Amino acid sequence: MTKVVNYISEAFEELKSNVTWPEWAEVQRLTIVVALFSVLFAIATWGVDEVFAKSLAGFFSWLKA
């Protein structure tokens, strides 16, 4: 158990002393970029899903006829 606690405390010390953190403005800008990309990707995925659903529905209705 002491190994786990030691590992966690060393990890936090590493984060505080040796990691270069980005500026707050850059964090905000990149967060907006990620959010926009996520929304665009979700819309694209929805669009492809709709096209395939309508295509399959048309195909199966064509088979029934």
Protein backbone atom coordinates (compact mmCIF):
# COMPACT_ATOMS: atom_id res chain seq x y z
CA MET A 1 0.00 0.00 0.00
CA THR A 2 2.87 2.37 0.71
CA LYS A 3 4.11 1.84 -2.85
CA VAL A 4 0.79 3.08 -4.21
CA VAL A 5 0.77 6.14 -1.94
CA ASN A 6 4.41 6.86 -2.81
CA TYR A 7 3.63 6.56 -6.54
CA ILE A 8 0.68 8.95 -6.28
CA SER A 9 2.63 11.53 -4.29
CA GLU A 10 5.52 11.37 -6.75
CA ALA A 11 3.11 11.74 -9.66
CA PHE A 12 1.60 14.88 -8.13
CA GLU A 13 5.06 16.30 -7.48
CA GLU A 14 6.00 15.59 -11.09
CA LEU A 15 2.88 17.40 -12.28
CA LYS A 16 3.61 20.43 -10.12
CA SER A 17 7.32 20.81 -10.87
CA ASN A 18 8.17 19.31 -14.26
CA VAL A 19 5.09 19.75 -16.45
CA THR A 20 4.72 22.85 -18.59
CA TRP A 21 1.08 23.85 -18.46
CA PRO A 22 -0.46 25.91 -21.31
CA GLU A 23 -1.70 29.44 -20.81
CA TRP A 24 -5.36 29.87 -19.90
CA ALA A 25 -6.16 31.61 -23.21
CA GLU A 26 -4.74 28.66 -25.15
CA VAL A 27 -6.75 26.21 -23.03
CA GLN A 28 -9.94 28.13 -23.79
CA ARG A 29 -9.16 28.33 -27.51
CA LEU A 30 -8.38 24.63 -27.80
CA THR A 31 -11.47 23.72 -25.77
CA ILE A 32 -13.62 25.65 -28.24
CA VAL A 33 -11.90 23.90 -31.16
CA VAL A 34 -12.54 20.48 -29.60
CA ALA A 35 -16.18 21.35 -28.83
CA LEU A 36 -16.81 22.56 -32.40
CA PHE A 37 -15.14 19.50 -33.89
CA SER A 38 -17.21 17.25 -31.63
CA VAL A 39 -20.45 18.92 -32.71
CA LEU A 40 -19.49 18.76 -36.40
CA PHE A 41 -18.49 15.10 -36.07
CA ALA A 42 -21.77 14.30 -34.32
CA ILE A 43 -23.75 16.03 -37.07
CA ALA A 44 -21.78 14.17 -39.76
CA THR A 45 -22.35 10.85 -37.99
CA TRP A 46 -26.07 11.59 -37.70
CA GLY A 47 -26.21 12.51 -41.40
CA VAL A 48 -24.52 9.29 -42.50
CA ASP A 49 -26.83 7.31 -40.22
CA GLU A 50 -29.89 8.98 -41.75
CA VAL A 51 -28.67 8.31 -45.30
CA PHE A 52 -28.05 4.64 -44.53
CA ALA A 53 -31.38 4.27 -42.73
CA LYS A 54 -33.30 5.78 -45.65
CA SER A 55 -31.29 3.72 -48.14
CA LEU A 56 -32.00 0.49 -46.29
CA ALA A 57 -35.67 1.37 -45.88
CA GLY A 58 -35.92 2.08 -49.62
CA PHE A 59 -34.08 -1.12 -50.45
CA PHE A 60 -36.36 -3.28 -48.30
CA SER A 61 -39.49 -1.57 -49.57
CA TRP A 62 -38.22 -2.22 -53.12
CA LEU A 63 -37.76 -5.91 -52.21
CA LYS A 64 -41.33 -6.14 -50.88
CA ALA A 65 -42.82 -4.71 -54.08
